[in-house]
Protein backbone atom coordinates (compact mmCIF):
# COMPACT_ATOMS: atom_id res chain seq x y z
CA MET A 1 3.95 -2.64 17.00
CA VAL A 2 0.55 -1.00 17.20
CA GLY A 3 -2.14 -0.85 14.54
CA SER A 4 -3.56 -3.02 11.80
CA LYS A 5 -1.03 -4.81 9.60
CA LEU A 6 -3.35 -4.22 6.66
CA PHE A 7 -2.23 -0.58 6.60
CA MET A 8 1.41 -0.98 7.66
CA ALA A 9 4.25 0.03 5.38
CA PRO A 10 7.11 -2.42 4.76
CA GLU A 11 9.52 -0.38 6.88
CA ILE A 12 7.28 -0.75 9.93
CA LEU A 13 7.15 -4.52 9.46
CA GLU A 14 10.96 -4.53 9.24
CA GLY A 15 11.16 -2.69 12.57
CA MET A 16 12.80 0.37 11.06
CA CYS A 17 12.16 3.93 12.10
CA HIS A 18 9.17 5.39 10.37
CA GLY A 19 7.66 8.73 9.53
CA THR A 20 5.60 10.42 6.86
CA PRO A 21 6.30 7.77 4.17
CA CYS A 22 4.36 5.29 6.32
CA ASP A 23 1.36 7.58 6.27
CA ILE A 24 1.66 7.89 2.49
CA TRP A 25 1.62 4.07 2.26
CA SER A 26 -1.54 3.93 4.37
CA ILE A 27 -3.20 6.49 2.10
CA GLY A 28 -2.46 4.18 -0.83
CA VAL A 29 -4.16 1.28 0.95
CA ILE A 30 -7.17 3.47 1.75
CA ILE A 31 -7.53 4.71 -1.84
CA TYR A 32 -7.31 1.16 -3.20
CA LEU A 33 -9.93 0.06 -0.67
CA MET A 34 -12.23 2.98 -1.49
CA ILE A 35 -12.13 2.27 -5.23
CA SER A 36 -12.37 -1.51 -5.18
CA GLY A 37 -13.94 -2.42 -1.85
CA PHE A 38 -11.00 -4.76 -1.17
CA TYR A 39 -7.55 -4.53 0.39
CA PRO A 40 -4.61 -4.49 -2.05
CA PHE A 41 -2.97 -7.51 -0.39
CA GLY A 42 -4.26 -10.92 0.64
CA PHE A 43 -4.77 -11.96 4.23
CA ARG A 44 -3.05 -15.37 4.30
CA ASN A 45 0.48 -14.10 4.73
CA ILE A 46 -0.06 -10.35 4.92
CA GLU A 47 3.50 -9.51 5.97
CA HIS A 48 5.00 -11.44 3.06
CA GLU A 49 2.58 -9.85 0.61
CA ILE A 50 3.27 -6.32 1.84
CA MET A 51 7.02 -6.90 1.69
CA ASN A 52 7.26 -8.83 -1.59
CA THR A 53 4.13 -8.78 -3.74
CA PRO A 54 3.57 -6.00 -6.26
CA VAL A 55 0.24 -4.24 -6.23
CA LEU A 56 -2.15 -6.15 -8.47
CA PHE A 57 -5.47 -4.72 -9.48
CA LEU A 58 -7.45 -7.95 -9.24
CA HIS A 59 -10.57 -6.66 -7.52
CA ASN A 60 -13.00 -4.61 -9.61
CA SER A 61 -10.11 -3.80 -11.94
CA ASP A 62 -12.41 -1.93 -14.31
CA LYS A 63 -12.95 0.73 -11.64
CA PHE A 64 -9.28 1.78 -11.64
CA SER A 65 -8.40 4.45 -14.18
CA SER A 66 -4.82 4.50 -15.42
CA ALA A 67 -4.21 7.62 -13.30
CA ALA A 68 -5.56 5.85 -10.20
CA ARG A 69 -3.33 2.84 -10.90
CA ASP A 70 -0.27 5.07 -11.26
CA LEU A 71 -1.10 6.94 -8.06
CA ILE A 72 -1.64 3.76 -6.06
CA ARG A 73 1.55 2.16 -7.39
CA GLY A 74 3.47 5.28 -6.35
CA LEU A 75 1.88 5.35 -2.90
CA LEU A 76 2.46 1.63 -2.35
CA GLU A 77 6.07 1.66 -3.51
CA LYS A 78 7.99 -0.84 -1.33
CA SER A 79 10.94 1.51 -0.84
CA GLN A 80 10.10 4.47 1.36
CA TYR A 81 12.75 6.46 -0.52
CA ALA A 82 11.10 5.88 -3.92
CA ARG A 83 7.53 6.28 -2.63
CA LEU A 84 5.51 9.33 -3.63
CA THR A 85 5.49 12.19 -1.16
CA ALA A 86 2.80 14.65 -0.14
CA SER A 87 4.57 17.42 -2.01
């Protein structure tokens, strides 16, 4: 496994094959970070949080419009098959 766990999609952490949906996940993390200045998941048990914790808008929550929240939830969908796509 190569890269920062902070940006890794659940399927990578599970050791499954990965592709474009993993990149979409990472974009969700980046957008959350750009809006709030924080990562969407805590650092204590990052793998558990990525795999099991829903996205919570705890940091600078007033900066997230409803459209931004919907977009981020779609990009950080746990299932790669339900996650938003580039198209």
